[in-house]
Amino acid sequence: MTTKRSLIRRATAVAAAATTALVLAACGGNGDETGSAGSGRNTASPAASAPAQQGDHNAADVAFAQGMIPHHRQAIEMADLAATRAESADARKLAGEIKKAQDPEIKTLSGWLTSWGEQVPAGGGGHDGHDMSGMMSGEEMKQLESSSGKAFDTAFLQLMVKHHEGAVAMAKTEQSDGKYQPAKDMAGAIIASQSAEIARMNTLLGKS
């Protein structure tokens, strides 16, 4: 009997200890889960708000992105011509800087349009009908392609000034009418950088 009672007491004590351990573990687990959930919420919060931020745009933002992509593509096309046709080292250097700046912006603009479910303009061709934003007509591009040396330098600089002025005007419209802050920030950067480049090009034209 004594042995039986002793065994029962021991079993009861073990069970009680196990129960206590489980309760403590459960309490600790709940605390951890709460902490995890809390940190999970904090971690998920930026991700959860990202789609809302991406969606926080309007028609002006879409127009800016869809207009600036072909605009930048043409500037890069002009810059590529300068690499082989320009006589002036300053013109070639400027062309390289234009390409370096605008290539990444095209990728960013395309990414925004994709995230908004909007069409990304197809690449290549179609210079006509864009002169309101300072883009070259097909005829102007052909004339640029057929020139070289100093004649090319002068034509390139004159046309790129016009091109940049169009981009600045588009960027100012985005700043006043757009809603998507990253696009408005890009517009501000375009205004600053391309206005400075216009001043540089006008100085170079004054030297020739």
C-alpha atoms as a PDB file:
ATOM      1  CA  MET A   1       0.000   0.000   0.000  1.00  0.00           C
ATOM      2  CA  THR A   2       2.786   2.314   1.013  1.00  0.00           C
ATOM      3  CA  THR A   3       4.579   1.623  -2.181  1.00  0.00           C
ATOM      4  CA  LYS A   4       1.372   2.121  -4.156  1.00  0.00           C
ATOM      5  CA  ARG A   5       0.587   5.378  -2.382  1.00  0.00           C
ATOM      6  CA  SER A   6       4.173   6.510  -2.840  1.00  0.00           C
ATOM      7  CA  LEU A   7       3.975   5.801  -6.551  1.00  0.00           C
ATOM      8  CA  ILE A   8       0.658   7.627  -6.815  1.00  0.00           C
ATOM      9  CA  ARG A   9       2.074  10.635  -4.987  1.00  0.00           C
ATOM     10  CA  ARG A  10       5.129  10.655  -7.242  1.00  0.00           C
ATOM     11  CA  ALA A  11       2.991  10.356 -10.380  1.00  0.00           C
ATOM     12  CA  THR A  12       0.759  13.174  -9.120  1.00  0.00           C
ATOM     13  CA  ALA A  13       3.785  15.358  -8.385  1.00  0.00           C
ATOM     14  CA  VAL A  14       5.281  14.681 -11.802  1.00  0.00           C
ATOM     15  CA  ALA A  15       1.960  15.436 -13.477  1.00  0.00           C
ATOM     16  CA  ALA A  16       1.621  18.655 -11.500  1.00  0.00           C
ATOM     17  CA  ALA A  17       5.151  19.710 -12.403  1.00  0.00           C
ATOM     18  CA  ALA A  18       4.521  18.906 -16.035  1.00  0.00           C
ATOM     19  CA  THR A  19       1.285  20.878 -15.985  1.00  0.00           C
ATOM     20  CA  THR A  20       3.044  23.858 -14.388  1.00  0.00           C
ATOM     21  CA  ALA A  21       5.793  23.688 -17.005  1.00  0.00           C
ATOM     22  CA  LEU A  22       3.227  23.555 -19.790  1.00  0.00           C
ATOM     23  CA  VAL A  23       1.356  26.541 -18.361  1.00  0.00           C
ATOM     24  CA  LEU A  24       4.567  28.544 -18.054  1.00  0.00           C
ATOM     25  CA  ALA A  25       5.629  27.572 -21.548  1.00  0.00           C
ATOM     26  CA  ALA A  26       2.240  28.498 -22.887  1.00  0.00           C
ATOM     27  CA  CYS A  27       2.411  31.874 -21.199  1.00  0.00           C
ATOM     28  CA  GLY A  28       5.877  32.438 -22.510  1.00  0.00           C
ATOM     29  CA  GLY A  29       4.740  31.251 -25.937  1.00  0.00           C
ATOM     30  CA  ASN A  30       1.874  33.663 -25.957  1.00  0.00           C
ATOM     31  CA  GLY A  31       4.244  36.458 -25.057  1.00  0.00           C
ATOM     32  CA  ASP A  32       6.560  35.456 -27.875  1.00  0.00           C
ATOM     33  CA  GLU A  33       3.700  35.146 -30.313  1.00  0.00           C
ATOM     34  CA  THR A  34       2.426  38.553 -29.314  1.00  0.00           C
ATOM     35  CA  GLY A  35       5.897  39.947 -29.795  1.00  0.00           C
ATOM     36  CA  SER A  36       6.215  38.168 -33.113  1.00  0.00           C
ATOM     37  CA  ALA A  37       2.827  39.349 -34.184  1.00  0.00           C
ATOM     38  CA  GLY A  38       3.742  42.843 -33.124  1.00  0.00           C
ATOM     39  CA  SER A  39       7.021  42.749 -34.971  1.00  0.00           C
ATOM     40  CA  GLY A  40       5.241  40.985 -37.811  1.00  0.00           C
ATOM     41  CA  ARG A  41       2.851  43.876 -38.038  1.00  0.00           C
ATOM     42  CA  ASN A  42       5.719  46.314 -38.000  1.00  0.00           C
ATOM     43  CA  THR A  43       7.562  44.351 -40.667  1.00  0.00           C
ATOM     44  CA  ALA A  44       4.464  43.891 -42.784  1.00  0.00           C
ATOM     45  CA  SER A  45       3.361  47.472 -42.398  1.00  0.00           C
ATOM     46  CA  PRO A  46       5.698  48.976 -45.042  1.00  0.00           C
ATOM     47  CA  ALA A  47       4.941  46.084 -47.403  1.00  0.00           C
ATOM     48  CA  ALA A  48       1.244  46.437 -46.775  1.00  0.00           C
ATOM     49  CA  SER A  49       1.356  50.175 -47.361  1.00  0.00           C
ATOM     50  CA  ALA A  50       3.512  49.862 -50.505  1.00  0.00           C
ATOM     51  CA  PRO A  51       0.628  48.853 -52.807  1.00  0.00           C
ATOM     52  CA  ALA A  52      -1.418  51.738 -51.430  1.00  0.00           C
ATOM     53  CA  GLN A  53       1.447  54.105 -52.133  1.00  0.00           C
ATOM     54  CA  GLN A  54       1.910  52.627 -55.594  1.00  0.00           C
ATOM     55  CA  GLY A  55      -1.773  53.135 -56.251  1.00  0.00           C
ATOM     56  CA  ASP A  56      -1.701  56.693 -54.985  1.00  0.00           C
ATOM     57  CA  HIS A  57      -1.401  58.212 -58.447  1.00  0.00           C
ATOM     58  CA  ASN A  58      -3.575  60.040 -60.957  1.00  0.00           C
ATOM     59  CA  ALA A  59      -3.939  60.581 -64.702  1.00  0.00           C
ATOM     60  CA  ALA A  60      -1.233  63.260 -64.706  1.00  0.00           C
ATOM     61  CA  ASP A  61       1.272  60.772 -63.281  1.00  0.00           C
ATOM     62  CA  VAL A  62       0.406  58.257 -65.999  1.00  0.00           C
ATOM     63  CA  ALA A  63       0.685  60.921 -68.708  1.00  0.00           C
ATOM     64  CA  PHE A  64       4.054  62.031 -67.328  1.00  0.00           C
ATOM     65  CA  ALA A  65       5.470  58.488 -67.346  1.00  0.00           C
ATOM     66  CA  GLN A  66       4.028  57.568 -70.749  1.00  0.00           C
ATOM     67  CA  GLY A  67       5.255  60.834 -72.266  1.00  0.00           C
ATOM     68  CA  MET A  68       8.696  60.919 -70.671  1.00  0.00           C
ATOM     69  CA  ILE A  69       9.643  57.383 -71.736  1.00  0.00           C
ATOM     70  CA  PRO A  70       9.637  58.054 -75.521  1.00  0.00           C
ATOM     71  CA  HIS A  71      11.060  61.524 -74.812  1.00  0.00           C
ATOM     72  CA  HIS A  72      14.036  60.017 -72.985  1.00  0.00           C
ATOM     73  CA  ARG A  73      14.421  57.309 -75.623  1.00  0.00           C
ATOM     74  CA  GLN A  74      14.824  59.945 -78.319  1.00  0.00           C
ATOM     75  CA  ALA A  75      17.359  61.876 -76.232  1.00  0.00           C
ATOM     76  CA  ILE A  76      19.382  58.666 -75.884  1.00  0.00           C
ATOM     77  CA  GLU A  77      19.101  58.081 -79.643  1.00  0.00           C
ATOM     78  CA  MET A  78      20.485  61.580 -80.207  1.00  0.00           C
ATOM     79  CA  ALA A  79      23.218  60.998 -77.639  1.00  0.00           C
ATOM     80  CA  ASP A  80      24.242  57.779 -79.402  1.00  0.00           C
ATOM     81  CA  LEU A  81      24.675  59.730 -82.635  1.00  0.00           C
ATOM     82  CA  ALA A  82      26.934  62.214 -80.843  1.00  0.00           C
ATOM     83  CA  ALA A  83      29.241  59.423 -79.728  1.00  0.00           C
ATOM     84  CA  THR A  84      30.343  58.794 -83.328  1.00  0.00           C
ATOM     85  CA  ARG A  85      29.552  62.051 -85.140  1.00  0.00           C
ATOM     86  CA  ALA A  86      30.373  64.910 -82.736  1.00  0.00           C
ATOM     87  CA  GLU A  87      33.658  66.740 -83.167  1.00  0.00           C
ATOM     88  CA  SER A  88      33.475  68.568 -79.854  1.00  0.00           C
ATOM     89  CA  ALA A  89      34.667  66.673 -76.779  1.00  0.00           C
ATOM     90  CA  ASP A  90      32.229  68.760 -74.723  1.00  0.00           C
ATOM     91  CA  ALA A  91      29.314  67.626 -76.887  1.00  0.00           C
ATOM     92  CA  ARG A  92      30.377  63.982 -76.592  1.00  0.00           C
ATOM     93  CA  LYS A  93      30.758  64.300 -72.830  1.00  0.00           C
ATOM     94  CA  LEU A  94      27.327  65.891 -72.489  1.00  0.00           C
ATOM     95  CA  ALA A  95      25.796  63.152 -74.643  1.00  0.00           C
ATOM     96  CA  GLY A  96      27.322  60.488 -72.386  1.00  0.00           C
ATOM     97  CA  GLU A  97      25.915  62.190 -69.286  1.00  0.00           C
ATOM     98  CA  ILE A  98      22.457  62.430 -70.843  1.00  0.00           C
ATOM     99  CA  LYS A  99      22.424  58.725 -71.655  1.00  0.00           C
ATOM    100  CA  LYS A 100      23.714  57.760 -68.200  1.00  0.00           C
ATOM    101  CA  ALA A 101      20.999  59.801 -66.467  1.00  0.00           C
ATOM    102  CA  GLN A 102      18.033  58.940 -68.651  1.00  0.00           C
ATOM    103  CA  ASP A 103      18.494  55.176 -69.127  1.00  0.00           C
ATOM    104  CA  PRO A 104      17.727  54.412 -65.443  1.00  0.00           C
ATOM    105  CA  GLU A 105      14.807  56.853 -65.460  1.00  0.00           C
ATOM    106  CA  ILE A 106      13.213  54.965 -68.358  1.00  0.00           C
ATOM    107  CA  LYS A 107      13.418  51.753 -66.309  1.00  0.00           C
ATOM    108  CA  THR A 108      11.880  53.478 -63.273  1.00  0.00           C
ATOM    109  CA  LEU A 109       9.065  55.052 -65.294  1.00  0.00           C
ATOM    110  CA  SER A 110       8.323  51.707 -66.967  1.00  0.00           C
ATOM    111  CA  GLY A 111       8.186  50.026 -63.564  1.00  0.00           C
ATOM    112  CA  TRP A 112       5.656  52.552 -62.290  1.00  0.00           C
ATOM    113  CA  LEU A 113       3.400  52.069 -65.296  1.00  0.00           C
ATOM    114  CA  THR A 114       3.562  48.296 -64.924  1.00  0.00           C
ATOM    115  CA  SER A 115       2.695  48.506 -61.206  1.00  0.00           C
ATOM    116  CA  TRP A 116      -0.263  50.750 -62.060  1.00  0.00           C
ATOM    117  CA  GLY A 117      -1.518  48.364 -64.726  1.00  0.00           C
ATOM    118  CA  GLU A 118      -0.886  50.965 -67.438  1.00  0.00           C
ATOM    119  CA  GLN A 119       0.652  50.462 -70.862  1.00  0.00           C
ATOM    120  CA  VAL A 120       4.379  51.045 -71.262  1.00  0.00           C
ATOM    121  CA  PRO A 121       5.035  52.841 -74.571  1.00  0.00           C
ATOM    122  CA  ALA A 122       6.521  50.566 -77.219  1.00  0.00           C
ATOM    123  CA  GLY A 123      10.135  51.263 -78.087  1.00  0.00           C
ATOM    124  CA  GLY A 124      11.469  52.790 -81.271  1.00  0.00           C
ATOM    125  CA  GLY A 125      10.137  54.976 -84.075  1.00  0.00           C
ATOM    126  CA  GLY A 126       7.519  57.671 -84.145  1.00  0.00           C
ATOM    127  CA  HIS A 127       9.114  61.071 -83.852  1.00  0.00           C
ATOM    128  CA  ASP A 128       6.296  63.009 -85.490  1.00  0.00           C
ATOM    129  CA  GLY A 129       3.517  64.454 -83.386  1.00  0.00           C
ATOM    130  CA  HIS A 130       5.725  64.979 -80.355  1.00  0.00           C
ATOM    131  CA  ASP A 131       6.945  68.515 -81.107  1.00  0.00           C
ATOM    132  CA  MET A 132       4.733  69.970 -78.365  1.00  0.00           C
ATOM    133  CA  SER A 133       7.079  68.373 -75.825  1.00  0.00           C
ATOM    134  CA  GLY A 134      10.222  69.369 -77.707  1.00  0.00           C
ATOM    135  CA  MET A 135      10.730  66.063 -79.479  1.00  0.00           C
ATOM    136  CA  MET A 136      12.384  65.962 -82.855  1.00  0.00           C
ATOM    137  CA  SER A 137      10.401  65.204 -85.973  1.00  0.00           C
ATOM    138  CA  GLY A 138      11.484  62.341 -88.194  1.00  0.00           C
ATOM    139  CA  GLU A 139      12.886  64.871 -90.662  1.00  0.00           C
ATOM    140  CA  GLU A 140      14.951  66.612 -87.974  1.00  0.00           C
ATOM    141  CA  MET A 141      16.374  63.295 -86.827  1.00  0.00           C
ATOM    142  CA  LYS A 142      17.314  62.384 -90.424  1.00  0.00           C
ATOM    143  CA  GLN A 143      19.119  65.710 -90.824  1.00  0.00           C
ATOM    144  CA  LEU A 144      21.003  65.109 -87.580  1.00  0.00           C
ATOM    145  CA  GLU A 145      21.957  61.594 -88.678  1.00  0.00           C
ATOM    146  CA  SER A 146      23.300  62.890 -91.996  1.00  0.00           C
ATOM    147  CA  SER A 147      25.538  65.546 -90.429  1.00  0.00           C
ATOM    148  CA  SER A 148      28.948  65.272 -88.773  1.00  0.00           C
ATOM    149  CA  GLY A 149      31.759  67.367 -87.318  1.00  0.00           C
ATOM    150  CA  LYS A 150      31.041  70.972 -86.346  1.00  0.00           C
ATOM    151  CA  ALA A 151      27.765  70.963 -88.265  1.00  0.00           C
ATOM    152  CA  PHE A 152      26.618  68.025 -86.174  1.00  0.00           C
ATOM    153  CA  ASP A 153      27.761  69.676 -82.941  1.00  0.00           C
ATOM    154  CA  THR A 154      25.720  72.790 -83.652  1.00  0.00           C
ATOM    155  CA  ALA A 155      22.618  70.879 -84.755  1.00  0.00           C
ATOM    156  CA  PHE A 156      22.883  68.447 -81.835  1.00  0.00           C
ATOM    157  CA  LEU A 157      23.162  71.215 -79.256  1.00  0.00           C
ATOM    158  CA  GLN A 158      20.355  73.296 -80.772  1.00  0.00           C
ATOM    159  CA  LEU A 159      17.999  70.333 -81.011  1.00  0.00           C
ATOM    160  CA  MET A 160      18.899  69.051 -77.555  1.00  0.00           C
ATOM    161  CA  VAL A 161      18.196  72.462 -76.018  1.00  0.00           C
ATOM    162  CA  LYS A 162      14.736  72.326 -77.566  1.00  0.00           C
ATOM    163  CA  HIS A 163      14.366  68.722 -76.421  1.00  0.00           C
ATOM    164  CA  HIS A 164      15.356  69.552 -72.842  1.00  0.00           C
ATOM    165  CA  GLU A 165      13.022  72.541 -72.759  1.00  0.00           C
ATOM    166  CA  GLY A 166      10.179  70.199 -73.649  1.00  0.00           C
ATOM    167  CA  ALA A 167      11.178  67.791 -70.867  1.00  0.00           C
ATOM    168  CA  VAL A 168      11.315  70.633 -68.338  1.00  0.00           C
ATOM    169  CA  ALA A 169       7.829  71.752 -69.369  1.00  0.00           C
ATOM    170  CA  MET A 170       6.505  68.191 -68.974  1.00  0.00           C
ATOM    171  CA  ALA A 171       8.173  67.898 -65.572  1.00  0.00           C
ATOM    172  CA  LYS A 172       6.653  71.181 -64.397  1.00  0.00           C
ATOM    173  CA  THR A 173       3.208  69.910 -65.396  1.00  0.00           C
ATOM    174  CA  GLU A 174       3.824  66.757 -63.349  1.00  0.00           C
ATOM    175  CA  GLN A 175       4.861  68.791 -60.330  1.00  0.00           C
ATOM    176  CA  SER A 176       1.723  70.902 -60.475  1.00  0.00           C
ATOM    177  CA  ASP A 177      -0.818  68.237 -61.500  1.00  0.00           C
ATOM    178  CA  GLY A 178       0.676  64.893 -60.405  1.00  0.00           C
ATOM    179  CA  LYS A 179      -0.118  62.996 -57.221  1.00  0.00           C
ATOM    180  CA  TYR A 180       2.495  60.219 -57.010  1.00  0.00           C
ATOM    181  CA  GLN A 181       5.336  61.638 -54.909  1.00  0.00           C
ATOM    182  CA  PRO A 182       8.206  59.624 -56.469  1.00  0.00           C
ATOM    183  CA  ALA A 183       7.118  60.892 -59.908  1.00  0.00           C
ATOM    184  CA  LYS A 184       6.969  64.469 -58.618  1.00  0.00           C
ATOM    185  CA  ASP A 185      10.439  63.993 -57.131  1.00  0.00           C
ATOM    186  CA  MET A 186      11.764  62.722 -60.463  1.00  0.00           C
ATOM    187  CA  ALA A 187      10.159  65.698 -62.178  1.00  0.00           C
ATOM    188  CA  GLY A 188      12.008  68.024 -59.813  1.00  0.00           C
ATOM    189  CA  ALA A 189      15.308  66.275 -60.566  1.00  0.00           C
ATOM    190  CA  ILE A 190      14.650  66.549 -64.317  1.00  0.00           C
ATOM    191  CA  ILE A 191      13.929  70.270 -64.028  1.00  0.00           C
ATOM    192  CA  ALA A 192      17.147  70.865 -62.084  1.00  0.00           C
ATOM    193  CA  SER A 193      19.489  68.698 -64.168  1.00  0.00           C
ATOM    194  CA  GLN A 194      18.143  69.541 -67.607  1.00  0.00           C
ATOM    195  CA  SER A 195      17.921  73.283 -66.881  1.00  0.00           C
ATOM    196  CA  ALA A 196      21.613  73.138 -65.959  1.00  0.00           C
ATOM    197  CA  GLU A 197      22.364  71.222 -69.164  1.00  0.00           C
ATOM    198  CA  ILE A 198      20.447  73.784 -71.217  1.00  0.00           C
ATOM    199  CA  ALA A 199      22.685  76.496 -69.756  1.00  0.00           C
ATOM    200  CA  ARG A 200      25.780  74.419 -70.623  1.00  0.00           C
ATOM    201  CA  MET A 201      24.596  73.842 -74.183  1.00  0.00           C
ATOM    202  CA  ASN A 202      23.775  77.496 -74.725  1.00  0.00           C
ATOM    203  CA  THR A 203      27.274  78.361 -73.543  1.00  0.00           C
ATOM    204  CA  LEU A 204      28.775  75.846 -75.982  1.00  0.00           C
ATOM    205  CA  LEU A 205      26.671  77.269 -78.781  1.00  0.00           C
ATOM    206  CA  GLY A 206      27.939  80.721 -77.900  1.00  0.00           C
ATOM    207  CA  LYS A 207      31.512  79.475 -78.277  1.00  0.00           C
ATOM    208  CA  SER A 208      30.997  78.059 -81.764  1.00  0.00           C
END
